[in-house]
C-alpha atoms as a PDB file:
ATOM      1  CA  PRO A   1      14.459  -7.326   4.126  1.00  0.00           C
ATOM      2  CA  ALA A   2      14.046  -6.335   0.506  1.00  0.00           C
ATOM      3  CA  PRO A   3      10.902  -4.428  -0.513  1.00  0.00           C
ATOM      4  CA  ASN A   4       8.037  -6.371  -2.070  1.00  0.00           C
ATOM      5  CA  PRO A   5       8.082  -5.943  -5.872  1.00  0.00           C
ATOM      6  CA  TYR A   6       4.858  -4.668  -7.423  1.00  0.00           C
ATOM      7  CA  TYR A   7       4.066  -4.403 -11.138  1.00  0.00           C
ATOM      8  CA  PRO A   8       1.026  -2.096 -11.647  1.00  0.00           C
ATOM      9  CA  ALA A   9       0.428  -3.538 -15.132  1.00  0.00           C
ATOM     10  CA  ALA A  10      -0.103  -6.979 -13.558  1.00  0.00           C
ATOM     11  CA  GLY A  11      -3.064  -5.790 -11.432  1.00  0.00           C
ATOM     12  CA  ASN A  12      -3.711  -4.708  -7.873  1.00  0.00           C
ATOM     13  CA  LEU A  13      -1.459  -5.171  -4.865  1.00  0.00           C
ATOM     14  CA  THR A  14      -3.024  -6.909  -1.853  1.00  0.00           C
ATOM     15  CA  ILE A  15      -1.592  -6.377   1.618  1.00  0.00           C
ATOM     16  CA  MET A  16      -2.764  -9.259   3.791  1.00  0.00           C
ATOM     17  CA  ASN A  17      -2.592 -10.948   7.181  1.00  0.00           C
ATOM     18  CA  PHE A  18      -4.627  -8.527   9.237  1.00  0.00           C
ATOM     19  CA  PRO A  19      -6.864 -10.015  11.924  1.00  0.00           C
ATOM     20  CA  ASP A  20     -10.360 -10.904  10.654  1.00  0.00           C
ATOM     21  CA  ASN A  21     -12.924  -8.102  10.766  1.00  0.00           C
ATOM     22  CA  SER A  22     -10.259  -5.384  11.056  1.00  0.00           C
ATOM     23  CA  VAL A  23     -10.945  -1.791  10.123  1.00  0.00           C
ATOM     24  CA  ILE A  24      -7.830  -0.946   8.088  1.00  0.00           C
ATOM     25  CA  ASN A  25      -6.394   2.509   7.404  1.00  0.00           C
ATOM     26  CA  LEU A  26      -3.495   2.311   4.909  1.00  0.00           C
ATOM     27  CA  LYS A  27      -1.229   5.222   3.990  1.00  0.00           C
ATOM     28  CA  ILE A  28       1.411   4.988   1.258  1.00  0.00           C
ATOM     29  CA  TYR A  29       4.337   7.438   1.137  1.00  0.00           C
ATOM     30  CA  ASN A  30       7.109   8.130  -1.362  1.00  0.00           C
ATOM     31  CA  LEU A  31      10.805   8.356  -0.424  1.00  0.00           C
ATOM     32  CA  GLU A  32      10.417  12.060   0.337  1.00  0.00           C
ATOM     33  CA  GLY A  33       7.797  11.240   2.969  1.00  0.00           C
ATOM     34  CA  LEU A  34       4.919  12.723   0.983  1.00  0.00           C
ATOM     35  CA  LEU A  35       1.555  10.975   1.177  1.00  0.00           C
ATOM     36  CA  VAL A  36       0.803   9.237  -2.124  1.00  0.00           C
ATOM     37  CA  LYS A  37      -2.427   7.379  -1.316  1.00  0.00           C
ATOM     38  CA  LYS A  38      -4.784   6.827   1.610  1.00  0.00           C
ATOM     39  CA  ILE A  39      -7.044   3.746   1.565  1.00  0.00           C
ATOM     40  CA  GLU A  40      -9.609   2.608   4.093  1.00  0.00           C
ATOM     41  CA  GLY A  41     -11.182  -0.824   4.184  1.00  0.00           C
ATOM     42  CA  SER A  42     -12.160  -3.742   6.364  1.00  0.00           C
ATOM     43  CA  GLY A  43     -11.541  -7.464   6.574  1.00  0.00           C
ATOM     44  CA  ASN A  44      -8.181  -9.223   6.695  1.00  0.00           C
ATOM     45  CA  SER A  45      -6.590  -7.556   3.630  1.00  0.00           C
ATOM     46  CA  ILE A  46      -6.555  -4.279   1.730  1.00  0.00           C
ATOM     47  CA  VAL A  47      -6.064  -3.663  -2.001  1.00  0.00           C
ATOM     48  CA  TRP A  48      -4.161  -0.884  -3.797  1.00  0.00           C
ATOM     49  CA  ASP A  49      -4.508  -0.240  -7.519  1.00  0.00           C
ATOM     50  CA  GLY A  50      -1.115   1.470  -7.866  1.00  0.00           C
ATOM     51  CA  LYS A  51      -2.649   4.918  -8.265  1.00  0.00           C
ATOM     52  CA  ASN A  52      -2.124   8.104  -6.283  1.00  0.00           C
ATOM     53  CA  GLU A  53      -4.793  10.354  -4.763  1.00  0.00           C
ATOM     54  CA  ASN A  54      -5.288  12.013  -8.195  1.00  0.00           C
ATOM     55  CA  GLY A  55      -6.004   8.678  -9.900  1.00  0.00           C
ATOM     56  CA  SER A  56      -2.703   8.545 -11.821  1.00  0.00           C
ATOM     57  CA  VAL A  57      -0.514   5.428 -11.879  1.00  0.00           C
ATOM     58  CA  ILE A  58       2.523   6.155  -9.741  1.00  0.00           C
ATOM     59  CA  ALA A  59       6.117   6.205 -10.974  1.00  0.00           C
ATOM     60  CA  SER A  60       8.615   3.392 -10.513  1.00  0.00           C
ATOM     61  CA  GLY A  61      10.458   3.577  -7.209  1.00  0.00           C
ATOM     62  CA  ILE A  62      10.399   2.592  -3.566  1.00  0.00           C
ATOM     63  CA  TYR A  63       7.378   3.425  -1.425  1.00  0.00           C
ATOM     64  CA  PHE A  64       6.598   2.904   2.246  1.00  0.00           C
ATOM     65  CA  TYR A  65       3.283   2.003   3.818  1.00  0.00           C
ATOM     66  CA  ILE A  66       1.787   2.119   7.276  1.00  0.00           C
ATOM     67  CA  ALA A  67      -1.383   0.144   7.909  1.00  0.00           C
ATOM     68  CA  ARG A  68      -3.304   0.675  11.131  1.00  0.00           C
ATOM     69  CA  THR A  69      -6.125  -1.392  12.587  1.00  0.00           C
ATOM     70  CA  GLN A  70      -8.125  -0.908  15.785  1.00  0.00           C
ATOM     71  CA  LYS A  71      -5.490  -2.807  17.782  1.00  0.00           C
ATOM     72  CA  ASP A  72      -2.211  -2.763  15.866  1.00  0.00           C
ATOM     73  CA  PHE A  73      -0.187  -1.402  12.966  1.00  0.00           C
ATOM     74  CA  CYS A  74       2.319  -2.718  10.451  1.00  0.00           C
ATOM     75  CA  LYS A  75       4.722  -1.066   8.064  1.00  0.00           C
ATOM     76  CA  GLY A  76       6.618  -2.139   4.996  1.00  0.00           C
ATOM     77  CA  LYS A  77       8.267  -1.226   1.718  1.00  0.00           C
ATOM     78  CA  ILE A  78       7.051  -1.694  -1.840  1.00  0.00           C
ATOM     79  CA  THR A  79       9.185  -1.483  -4.959  1.00  0.00           C
ATOM     80  CA  VAL A  80       7.020  -0.320  -7.874  1.00  0.00           C
ATOM     81  CA  ILE A  81       8.338  -1.520 -11.235  1.00  0.00           C
ATOM     82  CA  LYS A  82       6.721  -0.228 -14.408  1.00  0.00           C
ATOM     83  CA  LYS A  83       7.602  -1.993 -17.635  1.00  0.00           C
END
């Protein structure tokens, strides 16, 4: 499947459909496999503001994420498009 498009100028990206009351640990990587951002949260979704660990808006490109909960994990691709 094609990566989900994300436009940082339009606001935050929400990754959803986790079981209720999950503890979520999300890691976002660039194409080189380098960690771009680590986010922890709880509930049934997690939000990313399109910024890296240094607080800078990331460059356009394809990114991968792995989200882990207490019982499961999911992975996916995000296409970041800056206008």
